[in-house]
Amino acid sequence: MDIGTRERRAQILTAATDLFAGRGFHGVSIHELGAAVGLTGPALYRHFKGKEALLAEILLDISTRLYEGGRERVAAAADPLDALLTWQISFALDHPALITVHERELPHVPEAPRREIRRIQRAYVEEWVTVVGARVPRPEAETRAAVHAVIGLINSTPHSAGGLERSAMAALLHTMARAALLATPRRI
């Protein structure tokens, strides 16, 4: 794939992400997607088989970037937990449209790529479970539940970050998420 084609595909993915986040997958036509990048709707088919393929690529890309970026940061960090927290928080704050599209539109992805997206997401969660489990002695299922809860907290920022500056929101999320992950639950 030449540079022009890669750049055009990236442009289409960005425009589609913004449109899907704003109006939903079913609220955007192929003609609107094309118009957003200066193409006719049918011209998009030179780059993607259809809207479902476009959505699948958006969500495969976000899942892969999160997983690979997390692994790289863990491998290079003196404090892997802080590295993961900073990575996930930065991603959520810098890419709210991607977070919104992921949480809302995954059911519209065809089955095969949806399974791959879920596989990558599970691997990303397991990276977190390994890091948190090394810090807090508790059952793995409990650690996994805590990781899911914290990622959910962080990913809620597209819905809640409106009143704070980015740095203040990042600091708040980091403090809350770290405390939640390192807490030892009281047995009732």
N, C-alpha and C. Protein backbone atom coordinates (compact mmCIF):
# COMPACT_ATOMS: atom_id res chain seq x y z
N MET A 1 0.85 -1.17 0.00
CA MET A 1 0.00 0.00 0.00
C MET A 1 0.90 1.24 0.00
N ASP A 2 0.69 2.14 -0.96
CA ASP A 2 1.54 3.32 -1.04
C ASP A 2 1.15 4.35 0.02
N ILE A 3 2.01 5.36 0.18
CA ILE A 3 1.80 6.36 1.23
C ILE A 3 0.50 7.11 1.02
N GLY A 4 0.18 7.47 -0.20
CA GLY A 4 -1.06 8.18 -0.48
C GLY A 4 -2.29 7.38 -0.08
N THR A 5 -2.26 6.09 -0.37
CA THR A 5 -3.39 5.22 -0.01
C THR A 5 -3.47 5.08 1.51
N ARG A 6 -2.34 4.91 2.17
CA ARG A 6 -2.34 4.83 3.65
C ARG A 6 -2.88 6.11 4.27
N GLU A 7 -2.43 7.25 3.74
CA GLU A 7 -2.89 8.54 4.27
C GLU A 7 -4.39 8.70 4.04
N ARG A 8 -4.87 8.30 2.88
CA ARG A 8 -6.30 8.41 2.58
C ARG A 8 -7.10 7.50 3.51
N ARG A 9 -6.63 6.27 3.72
CA ARG A 9 -7.32 5.34 4.63
C ARG A 9 -7.36 5.91 6.05
N ALA A 10 -6.24 6.49 6.49
CA ALA A 10 -6.20 7.09 7.82
C ALA A 10 -7.18 8.26 7.92
N GLN A 11 -7.25 9.05 6.88
CA GLN A 11 -8.19 10.17 6.83
C GLN A 11 -9.63 9.66 6.91
N ILE A 12 -9.93 8.61 6.20
CA ILE A 12 -11.27 8.03 6.22
C ILE A 12 -11.59 7.47 7.61
N LEU A 13 -10.63 6.78 8.22
CA LEU A 13 -10.84 6.21 9.55
C LEU A 13 -11.11 7.30 10.59
N THR A 14 -10.36 8.38 10.51
CA THR A 14 -10.56 9.49 11.45
C THR A 14 -11.93 10.13 11.26
N ALA A 15 -12.30 10.39 10.03
CA ALA A 15 -13.61 11.00 9.76
C ALA A 15 -14.74 10.07 10.19
N ALA A 16 -14.59 8.79 9.90
CA ALA A 16 -15.63 7.82 10.28
C ALA A 16 -15.75 7.73 11.80
N THR A 17 -14.63 7.75 12.49
CA THR A 17 -14.67 7.71 13.96
C THR A 17 -15.46 8.89 14.50
N ASP A 18 -15.16 10.08 14.00
CA ASP A 18 -15.87 11.28 14.48
C ASP A 18 -17.36 11.22 14.16
N LEU A 19 -17.69 10.79 12.94
CA LEU A 19 -19.10 10.70 12.57
C LEU A 19 -19.83 9.62 13.37
N PHE A 20 -19.22 8.45 13.53
CA PHE A 20 -19.85 7.37 14.29
C PHE A 20 -20.02 7.77 15.76
N ALA A 21 -19.03 8.47 16.30
CA ALA A 21 -19.13 8.91 17.71
C ALA A 21 -20.25 9.92 17.87
N GLY A 22 -20.40 10.80 16.90
CA GLY A 22 -21.41 11.85 17.00
C GLY A 22 -22.82 11.41 16.69
N ARG A 23 -22.97 10.51 15.71
CA ARG A 23 -24.33 10.16 15.26
C ARG A 23 -24.63 8.68 15.29
N GLY A 24 -23.67 7.87 15.67
CA GLY A 24 -23.89 6.43 15.70
C GLY A 24 -23.64 5.79 14.35
N PHE A 25 -23.31 4.52 14.38
CA PHE A 25 -23.01 3.76 13.17
C PHE A 25 -24.16 3.82 12.16
N HIS A 26 -25.36 3.58 12.64
CA HIS A 26 -26.52 3.56 11.74
C HIS A 26 -26.99 4.95 11.34
N GLY A 27 -26.50 5.98 12.03
CA GLY A 27 -26.90 7.35 11.72
C GLY A 27 -26.05 8.01 10.66
N VAL A 28 -25.09 7.26 10.10
CA VAL A 28 -24.17 7.81 9.10
C VAL A 28 -24.25 6.97 7.84
N SER A 29 -24.46 7.62 6.71
CA SER A 29 -24.52 6.90 5.44
C SER A 29 -23.13 6.83 4.80
N ILE A 30 -22.99 5.92 3.87
CA ILE A 30 -21.73 5.80 3.13
C ILE A 30 -21.46 7.07 2.34
N HIS A 31 -22.53 7.73 1.88
CA HIS A 31 -22.36 9.00 1.14
C HIS A 31 -21.83 10.09 2.07
N GLU A 32 -22.31 10.13 3.31
CA GLU A 32 -21.82 11.12 4.27
C GLU A 32 -20.36 10.84 4.63
N LEU A 33 -20.01 9.58 4.75
CA LEU A 33 -18.61 9.24 5.03
C LEU A 33 -17.71 9.71 3.90
N GLY A 34 -18.14 9.46 2.68
CA GLY A 34 -17.35 9.92 1.53
C GLY A 34 -17.23 11.43 1.49
N ALA A 35 -18.35 12.12 1.68
CA ALA A 35 -18.35 13.58 1.64
C ALA A 35 -17.42 14.18 2.70
N ALA A 36 -17.31 13.52 3.84
CA ALA A 36 -16.46 14.02 4.92
C ALA A 36 -14.98 14.05 4.54
N VAL A 37 -14.60 13.26 3.55
CA VAL A 37 -13.20 13.22 3.11
C VAL A 37 -13.04 13.60 1.65
N GLY A 38 -14.07 14.23 1.08
CA GLY A 38 -13.99 14.71 -0.28
C GLY A 38 -14.10 13.64 -1.35
N LEU A 39 -14.80 12.54 -1.03
CA LEU A 39 -15.01 11.47 -1.99
C LEU A 39 -16.51 11.25 -2.18
N THR A 40 -16.86 10.56 -3.23
CA THR A 40 -18.23 10.08 -3.32
C THR A 40 -18.34 8.85 -2.43
N GLY A 41 -19.54 8.56 -1.97
CA GLY A 41 -19.72 7.38 -1.14
C GLY A 41 -19.18 6.12 -1.79
N PRO A 42 -19.56 5.86 -3.06
CA PRO A 42 -19.05 4.65 -3.71
C PRO A 42 -17.53 4.59 -3.84
N ALA A 43 -16.86 5.74 -3.88
CA ALA A 43 -15.39 5.75 -3.96
C ALA A 43 -14.75 5.17 -2.70
N LEU A 44 -15.48 5.19 -1.58
CA LEU A 44 -14.95 4.59 -0.35
C LEU A 44 -14.72 3.09 -0.52
N TYR A 45 -15.48 2.47 -1.41
CA TYR A 45 -15.35 1.02 -1.60
C TYR A 45 -13.99 0.63 -2.19
N ARG A 46 -13.24 1.60 -2.70
CA ARG A 46 -11.87 1.31 -3.14
C ARG A 46 -10.95 1.09 -1.95
N HIS A 47 -11.36 1.62 -0.80
CA HIS A 47 -10.55 1.53 0.42
C HIS A 47 -11.08 0.53 1.43
N PHE A 48 -12.40 0.38 1.50
CA PHE A 48 -13.06 -0.51 2.46
C PHE A 48 -14.22 -1.20 1.78
N LYS A 49 -14.50 -2.44 2.18
CA LYS A 49 -15.59 -3.20 1.58
C LYS A 49 -16.96 -2.61 1.91
N GLY A 50 -17.04 -1.89 2.99
CA GLY A 50 -18.30 -1.29 3.40
C GLY A 50 -18.17 -0.67 4.78
N LYS A 51 -19.29 -0.17 5.30
CA LYS A 51 -19.26 0.49 6.61
C LYS A 51 -18.83 -0.47 7.72
N GLU A 52 -19.29 -1.73 7.65
CA GLU A 52 -18.93 -2.70 8.68
C GLU A 52 -17.42 -2.95 8.69
N ALA A 53 -16.83 -3.04 7.51
CA ALA A 53 -15.38 -3.25 7.42
C ALA A 53 -14.62 -2.04 7.94
N LEU A 54 -15.14 -0.86 7.67
CA LEU A 54 -14.54 0.37 8.17
C LEU A 54 -14.60 0.41 9.69
N LEU A 55 -15.76 0.09 10.26
CA LEU A 55 -15.90 0.05 11.71
C LEU A 55 -14.98 -1.01 12.32
N ALA A 56 -14.91 -2.17 11.70
CA ALA A 56 -14.04 -3.24 12.20
C ALA A 56 -12.59 -2.77 12.24
N GLU A 57 -12.15 -2.08 11.20
CA GLU A 57 -10.76 -1.61 11.18
C GLU A 57 -10.52 -0.57 12.27
N ILE A 58 -11.47 0.32 12.49
CA ILE A 58 -11.34 1.32 13.56
C ILE A 58 -11.14 0.61 14.90
N LEU A 59 -11.98 -0.38 15.18
CA LEU A 59 -11.95 -1.03 16.49
C LEU A 59 -10.78 -2.01 16.63
N LEU A 60 -10.37 -2.65 15.54
CA LEU A 60 -9.16 -3.47 15.59
C LEU A 60 -7.94 -2.60 15.86
N ASP A 61 -7.90 -1.45 15.21
CA ASP A 61 -6.78 -0.53 15.40
C ASP A 61 -6.70 -0.03 16.83
N ILE A 62 -7.81 0.42 17.39
CA ILE A 62 -7.79 0.94 18.76
C ILE A 62 -7.37 -0.16 19.74
N SER A 63 -7.90 -1.35 19.56
CA SER A 63 -7.57 -2.46 20.47
C SER A 63 -6.10 -2.83 20.36
N THR A 64 -5.59 -2.90 19.15
CA THR A 64 -4.19 -3.23 18.93
C THR A 64 -3.27 -2.15 19.49
N ARG A 65 -3.60 -0.89 19.24
CA ARG A 65 -2.77 0.20 19.75
C ARG A 65 -2.73 0.21 21.27
N LEU A 66 -3.88 -0.01 21.91
CA LEU A 66 -3.89 -0.04 23.37
C LEU A 66 -3.04 -1.19 23.90
N TYR A 67 -3.23 -2.38 23.35
CA TYR A 67 -2.49 -3.55 23.81
C TYR A 67 -0.98 -3.39 23.59
N GLU A 68 -0.59 -3.08 22.36
CA GLU A 68 0.83 -2.96 22.06
C GLU A 68 1.47 -1.80 22.81
N GLY A 69 0.77 -0.68 22.89
CA GLY A 69 1.30 0.46 23.64
C GLY A 69 1.44 0.13 25.12
N GLY A 70 0.48 -0.58 25.66
CA GLY A 70 0.57 -0.99 27.07
C GLY A 70 1.75 -1.91 27.31
N ARG A 71 1.91 -2.90 26.46
CA ARG A 71 3.04 -3.84 26.61
C ARG A 71 4.38 -3.13 26.53
N GLU A 72 4.51 -2.21 25.56
CA GLU A 72 5.77 -1.47 25.42
C GLU A 72 6.06 -0.65 26.67
N ARG A 73 5.06 -0.01 27.20
CA ARG A 73 5.25 0.84 28.37
C ARG A 73 5.60 0.01 29.60
N VAL A 74 4.94 -1.12 29.76
CA VAL A 74 5.23 -2.00 30.90
C VAL A 74 6.68 -2.48 30.83
N ALA A 75 7.12 -2.88 29.64
CA ALA A 75 8.48 -3.40 29.48
C ALA A 75 9.54 -2.34 29.77
N ALA A 76 9.22 -1.08 29.52
CA ALA A 76 10.22 -0.02 29.68
C ALA A 76 10.12 0.72 31.02
N ALA A 77 9.12 0.43 31.82
CA ALA A 77 8.84 1.25 33.00
C ALA A 77 9.45 0.74 34.28
N ALA A 78 9.88 1.67 35.12
CA ALA A 78 10.29 1.33 36.47
C ALA A 78 9.07 0.98 37.31
N ASP A 79 7.93 1.63 37.03
CA ASP A 79 6.67 1.35 37.71
C ASP A 79 5.63 1.00 36.65
N PRO A 80 5.48 -0.29 36.33
CA PRO A 80 4.56 -0.70 35.27
C PRO A 80 3.11 -0.27 35.50
N LEU A 81 2.68 -0.24 36.76
CA LEU A 81 1.30 0.17 37.04
C LEU A 81 1.10 1.64 36.65
N ASP A 82 2.00 2.50 37.06
CA ASP A 82 1.89 3.90 36.66
C ASP A 82 1.94 4.05 35.14
N ALA A 83 2.77 3.26 34.49
CA ALA A 83 2.87 3.32 33.03
C ALA A 83 1.55 2.95 32.38
N LEU A 84 0.91 1.88 32.85
CA LEU A 84 -0.38 1.48 32.29
C LEU A 84 -1.46 2.53 32.56
N LEU A 85 -1.48 3.03 33.78
CA LEU A 85 -2.48 4.05 34.12
C LEU A 85 -2.31 5.30 33.25
N THR A 86 -1.08 5.78 33.14
CA THR A 86 -0.82 6.97 32.34
C THR A 86 -1.19 6.73 30.88
N TRP A 87 -0.87 5.57 30.36
CA TRP A 87 -1.18 5.21 28.98
C TRP A 87 -2.69 5.20 28.74
N GLN A 88 -3.42 4.49 29.56
CA GLN A 88 -4.87 4.38 29.36
C GLN A 88 -5.56 5.72 29.55
N ILE A 89 -5.14 6.47 30.55
CA ILE A 89 -5.75 7.79 30.80
C ILE A 89 -5.46 8.73 29.64
N SER A 90 -4.23 8.76 29.18
CA SER A 90 -3.89 9.62 28.03
C SER A 90 -4.70 9.24 26.81
N PHE A 91 -4.81 7.94 26.57
CA PHE A 91 -5.56 7.49 25.40
C PHE A 91 -7.02 7.93 25.51
N ALA A 92 -7.62 7.72 26.67
CA ALA A 92 -9.03 8.08 26.84
C ALA A 92 -9.26 9.58 26.71
N LEU A 93 -8.38 10.37 27.28
CA LEU A 93 -8.54 11.82 27.22
C LEU A 93 -8.23 12.38 25.83
N ASP A 94 -7.30 11.76 25.13
CA ASP A 94 -6.90 12.26 23.81
C ASP A 94 -7.77 11.72 22.67
N HIS A 95 -8.48 10.64 22.91
CA HIS A 95 -9.26 10.00 21.85
C HIS A 95 -10.68 9.65 22.32
N PRO A 96 -11.42 10.63 22.80
CA PRO A 96 -12.76 10.31 23.32
C PRO A 96 -13.69 9.73 22.25
N ALA A 97 -13.54 10.15 21.00
CA ALA A 97 -14.40 9.61 19.95
C ALA A 97 -14.15 8.11 19.76
N LEU A 98 -12.89 7.69 19.82
CA LEU A 98 -12.58 6.26 19.70
C LEU A 98 -13.18 5.46 20.86
N ILE A 99 -13.09 6.01 22.06
CA ILE A 99 -13.67 5.33 23.22
C ILE A 99 -15.18 5.21 23.04
N THR A 100 -15.83 6.27 22.61
CA THR A 100 -17.28 6.26 22.40
C THR A 100 -17.67 5.25 21.34
N VAL A 101 -16.98 5.26 20.21
CA VAL A 101 -17.30 4.31 19.14
C VAL A 101 -17.10 2.89 19.62
N HIS A 102 -16.03 2.64 20.34
CA HIS A 102 -15.78 1.29 20.83
C HIS A 102 -16.89 0.81 21.75
N GLU A 103 -17.25 1.62 22.72
CA GLU A 103 -18.23 1.16 23.71
C GLU A 103 -19.63 1.02 23.11
N ARG A 104 -19.93 1.81 22.10
CA ARG A 104 -21.29 1.82 21.57
C ARG A 104 -21.48 0.97 20.31
N GLU A 105 -20.45 0.81 19.50
CA GLU A 105 -20.66 0.25 18.17
C GLU A 105 -20.08 -1.15 17.94
N LEU A 106 -19.39 -1.72 18.92
CA LEU A 106 -18.82 -3.06 18.74
C LEU A 106 -19.84 -4.10 18.26
N PRO A 107 -21.08 -4.08 18.71
CA PRO A 107 -22.04 -5.09 18.22
C PRO A 107 -22.28 -5.05 16.71
N HIS A 108 -21.94 -3.94 16.05
CA HIS A 108 -22.16 -3.82 14.61
C HIS A 108 -21.01 -4.36 13.77
N VAL A 109 -19.95 -4.82 14.43
CA VAL A 109 -18.80 -5.39 13.72
C VAL A 109 -19.13 -6.84 13.38
N PRO A 110 -18.81 -7.29 12.17
CA PRO A 110 -19.04 -8.69 11.82
C PRO A 110 -18.34 -9.64 12.80
N GLU A 111 -18.84 -10.86 12.89
CA GLU A 111 -18.42 -11.80 13.94
C GLU A 111 -16.92 -12.07 13.96
N ALA A 112 -16.31 -12.37 12.83
CA ALA A 112 -14.88 -12.73 12.84
C ALA A 112 -14.00 -11.59 13.37
N PRO A 113 -14.12 -10.37 12.85
CA PRO A 113 -13.28 -9.32 13.42
C PRO A 113 -13.67 -8.97 14.86
N ARG A 114 -14.95 -9.14 15.21
CA ARG A 114 -15.36 -8.87 16.60
C ARG A 114 -14.67 -9.84 17.55
N ARG A 115 -14.55 -11.11 17.15
CA ARG A 115 -13.82 -12.09 17.98
C ARG A 115 -12.36 -11.68 18.14
N GLU A 116 -11.74 -11.20 17.07
CA GLU A 116 -10.35 -10.77 17.12
C GLU A 116 -10.20 -9.55 18.03
N ILE A 117 -11.11 -8.61 17.93
CA ILE A 117 -11.09 -7.43 18.80
C ILE A 117 -11.18 -7.87 20.26
N ARG A 118 -12.10 -8.77 20.56
CA ARG A 118 -12.26 -9.25 21.93
C ARG A 118 -11.01 -10.01 22.41
N ARG A 119 -10.37 -10.77 21.52
CA ARG A 119 -9.15 -11.49 21.88
C ARG A 119 -8.06 -10.51 22.27
N ILE A 120 -7.89 -9.46 21.49
CA ILE A 120 -6.87 -8.45 21.78
C ILE A 120 -7.20 -7.73 23.09
N GLN A 121 -8.47 -7.43 23.29
CA GLN A 121 -8.87 -6.76 24.53
C GLN A 121 -8.58 -7.64 25.75
N ARG A 122 -8.87 -8.92 25.63
CA ARG A 122 -8.57 -9.84 26.75
C ARG A 122 -7.07 -9.86 27.04
N ALA A 123 -6.26 -9.86 25.99
CA ALA A 123 -4.80 -9.85 26.19
C ALA A 123 -4.37 -8.56 26.89
N TYR A 124 -4.98 -7.45 26.53
CA TYR A 124 -4.66 -6.17 27.18
C TYR A 124 -5.05 -6.22 28.66
N VAL A 125 -6.21 -6.72 28.95
CA VAL A 125 -6.64 -6.85 30.35
C VAL A 125 -5.68 -7.76 31.10
N GLU A 126 -5.25 -8.85 30.49
CA GLU A 126 -4.33 -9.76 31.17
C GLU A 126 -2.99 -9.10 31.45
N GLU A 127 -2.57 -8.17 30.60
CA GLU A 127 -1.35 -7.39 30.87
C GLU A 127 -1.54 -6.62 32.18
N TRP A 128 -2.68 -6.01 32.32
CA TRP A 128 -3.01 -5.28 33.55
C TRP A 128 -3.07 -6.23 34.74
N VAL A 129 -3.74 -7.37 34.57
CA VAL A 129 -3.89 -8.34 35.66
C VAL A 129 -2.52 -8.79 36.16
N THR A 130 -1.60 -9.03 35.25
CA THR A 130 -0.25 -9.44 35.63
C THR A 130 0.44 -8.35 36.45
N VAL A 131 0.34 -7.11 35.98
CA VAL A 131 1.00 -5.99 36.67
C VAL A 131 0.37 -5.75 38.04
N VAL A 132 -0.94 -5.70 38.10
CA VAL A 132 -1.61 -5.45 39.38
C VAL A 132 -1.42 -6.63 40.32
N GLY A 133 -1.51 -7.85 39.79
CA GLY A 133 -1.32 -9.04 40.61
C GLY A 133 0.05 -9.12 41.26
N ALA A 134 1.05 -8.56 40.61
CA ALA A 134 2.40 -8.54 41.20
C ALA A 134 2.48 -7.56 42.37
N ARG A 135 1.54 -6.63 42.45
CA ARG A 135 1.54 -5.62 43.52
C ARG A 135 0.62 -5.96 44.68
N VAL A 136 -0.50 -6.62 44.37
CA VAL A 136 -1.53 -6.86 45.39
C VAL A 136 -1.85 -8.35 45.44
N PRO A 137 -1.57 -8.99 46.57
CA PRO A 137 -1.88 -10.42 46.68
C PRO A 137 -3.39 -10.63 46.92
N ARG A 138 -4.07 -11.07 45.89
CA ARG A 138 -5.50 -11.39 46.00
C ARG A 138 -5.83 -12.36 44.89
N PRO A 139 -6.99 -12.98 44.94
CA PRO A 139 -7.36 -13.92 43.87
C PRO A 139 -7.36 -13.25 42.50
N GLU A 140 -6.92 -14.01 41.50
CA GLU A 140 -6.82 -13.47 40.15
C GLU A 140 -8.16 -12.95 39.64
N ALA A 141 -9.25 -13.64 39.93
CA ALA A 141 -10.57 -13.20 39.48
C ALA A 141 -10.91 -11.83 40.07
N GLU A 142 -10.51 -11.61 41.30
CA GLU A 142 -10.75 -10.32 41.95
C GLU A 142 -9.90 -9.22 41.29
N THR A 143 -8.67 -9.55 40.99
CA THR A 143 -7.80 -8.59 40.30
C THR A 143 -8.37 -8.25 38.94
N ARG A 144 -8.81 -9.26 38.21
CA ARG A 144 -9.39 -9.04 36.88
C ARG A 144 -10.62 -8.14 36.98
N ALA A 145 -11.48 -8.38 37.97
CA ALA A 145 -12.67 -7.55 38.16
C ALA A 145 -12.27 -6.10 38.46
N ALA A 146 -11.24 -5.93 39.29
CA ALA A 146 -10.76 -4.58 39.60
C ALA A 146 -10.22 -3.88 38.36
N VAL A 147 -9.48 -4.61 37.54
CA VAL A 147 -8.93 -4.04 36.30
C VAL A 147 -10.06 -3.61 35.38
N HIS A 148 -11.06 -4.45 35.18
CA HIS A 148 -12.20 -4.08 34.33
C HIS A 148 -12.89 -2.83 34.87
N ALA A 149 -13.07 -2.76 36.19
CA ALA A 149 -13.73 -1.61 36.80
C ALA A 149 -12.92 -0.33 36.57
N VAL A 150 -11.61 -0.42 36.73
CA VAL A 150 -10.76 0.76 36.56
C VAL A 150 -10.71 1.21 35.10
N ILE A 151 -10.59 0.27 34.19
CA ILE A 151 -10.61 0.66 32.76
C ILE A 151 -11.95 1.29 32.44
N GLY A 152 -13.04 0.77 32.98
CA GLY A 152 -14.35 1.38 32.78
C GLY A 152 -14.41 2.80 33.34
N LEU A 153 -13.83 3.00 34.51
CA LEU A 153 -13.76 4.34 35.11
C LEU A 153 -13.02 5.29 34.18
N ILE A 154 -11.86 4.87 33.73
CA ILE A 154 -11.06 5.73 32.86
C ILE A 154 -11.78 6.00 31.55
N ASN A 155 -12.38 4.98 30.98
CA ASN A 155 -13.05 5.15 29.69
C ASN A 155 -14.37 5.91 29.79
N SER A 156 -14.81 6.22 31.00
CA SER A 156 -16.02 7.02 31.14
C SER A 156 -15.75 8.50 30.87
N THR A 157 -14.49 8.88 30.70
CA THR A 157 -14.15 10.29 30.56
C THR A 157 -14.79 11.00 29.37
N PRO A 158 -15.09 10.34 28.25
CA PRO A 158 -15.78 11.08 27.20
C PRO A 158 -17.14 11.62 27.68
N HIS A 159 -17.68 11.03 28.73
CA HIS A 159 -18.98 11.45 29.24
C HIS A 159 -18.87 12.38 30.44
N SER A 160 -17.68 12.49 31.04
CA SER A 160 -17.59 13.19 32.32
C SER A 160 -16.49 14.24 32.43
N ALA A 161 -15.65 14.38 31.44
CA ALA A 161 -14.47 15.25 31.60
C ALA A 161 -14.74 16.70 31.25
N GLY A 162 -15.94 17.05 30.91
CA GLY A 162 -16.25 18.39 30.41
C GLY A 162 -15.87 19.54 31.31
N GLY A 163 -15.94 19.40 32.62
CA GLY A 163 -15.71 20.53 33.50
C GLY A 163 -14.28 20.73 33.96
N LEU A 164 -13.40 19.82 33.67
CA LEU A 164 -12.02 19.92 34.15
C LEU A 164 -11.05 20.07 32.99
N GLU A 165 -9.94 20.77 33.26
CA GLU A 165 -8.86 20.81 32.28
C GLU A 165 -8.27 19.41 32.17
N ARG A 166 -7.63 19.15 31.04
CA ARG A 166 -7.08 17.81 30.79
C ARG A 166 -6.14 17.36 31.90
N SER A 167 -5.21 18.22 32.31
CA SER A 167 -4.24 17.81 33.33
C SER A 167 -4.92 17.50 34.66
N ALA A 168 -5.93 18.27 35.02
CA ALA A 168 -6.65 18.02 36.28
C ALA A 168 -7.43 16.71 36.19
N MET A 169 -8.04 16.45 35.05
CA MET A 169 -8.79 15.20 34.88
C MET A 169 -7.83 14.01 34.90
N ALA A 170 -6.69 14.15 34.24
CA ALA A 170 -5.70 13.06 34.23
C ALA A 170 -5.22 12.75 35.65
N ALA A 171 -4.93 13.79 36.42
CA ALA A 171 -4.46 13.58 37.79
C ALA A 171 -5.54 12.94 38.65
N LEU A 172 -6.79 13.39 38.51
CA LEU A 172 -7.89 12.81 39.26
C LEU A 172 -8.08 11.33 38.92
N LEU A 173 -8.10 11.03 37.64
CA LEU A 173 -8.27 9.63 37.21
C LEU A 173 -7.12 8.76 37.70
N HIS A 174 -5.90 9.26 37.62
CA HIS A 174 -4.74 8.49 38.04
C HIS A 174 -4.82 8.17 39.53
N THR A 175 -5.14 9.16 40.32
CA THR A 175 -5.25 8.97 41.77
C THR A 175 -6.35 7.97 42.11
N MET A 176 -7.52 8.14 41.51
CA MET A 176 -8.65 7.25 41.79
C MET A 176 -8.37 5.83 41.33
N ALA A 177 -7.85 5.69 40.11
CA ALA A 177 -7.62 4.36 39.55
C ALA A 177 -6.54 3.61 40.32
N ARG A 178 -5.47 4.29 40.65
CA ARG A 178 -4.39 3.65 41.41
C ARG A 178 -4.90 3.18 42.77
N ALA A 179 -5.64 4.05 43.46
CA ALA A 179 -6.18 3.67 44.77
C ALA A 179 -7.11 2.47 44.65
N ALA A 180 -7.93 2.45 43.62
CA ALA A 180 -8.85 1.33 43.44
C ALA A 180 -8.11 0.03 43.16
N LEU A 181 -7.10 0.09 42.33
CA LEU A 181 -6.37 -1.13 41.99
C LEU A 181 -5.54 -1.68 43.15
N LEU A 182 -5.03 -0.81 43.99
CA LEU A 182 -4.18 -1.25 45.09
C LEU A 182 -4.96 -1.52 46.37
N ALA A 183 -6.23 -1.21 46.37
CA ALA A 183 -7.04 -1.45 47.58
C ALA A 183 -7.24 -2.94 47.81
N THR A 184 -7.26 -3.29 49.07
CA THR A 184 -7.59 -4.66 49.46
C THR A 184 -9.03 -4.64 49.98
N PRO A 185 -9.92 -5.34 49.30
CA PRO A 185 -11.32 -5.29 49.70
C PRO A 185 -11.55 -5.86 51.10
N ARG A 186 -12.46 -5.24 51.81
CA ARG A 186 -12.87 -5.78 53.11
C ARG A 186 -13.83 -6.93 52.86
N ARG A 187 -13.64 -7.98 53.56
CA ARG A 187 -14.52 -9.15 53.45
C ARG A 187 -15.72 -8.93 54.36
N ILE A 188 -16.89 -9.04 53.81
CA ILE A 188 -18.12 -8.81 54.57
C ILE A 188 -18.78 -10.14 54.91
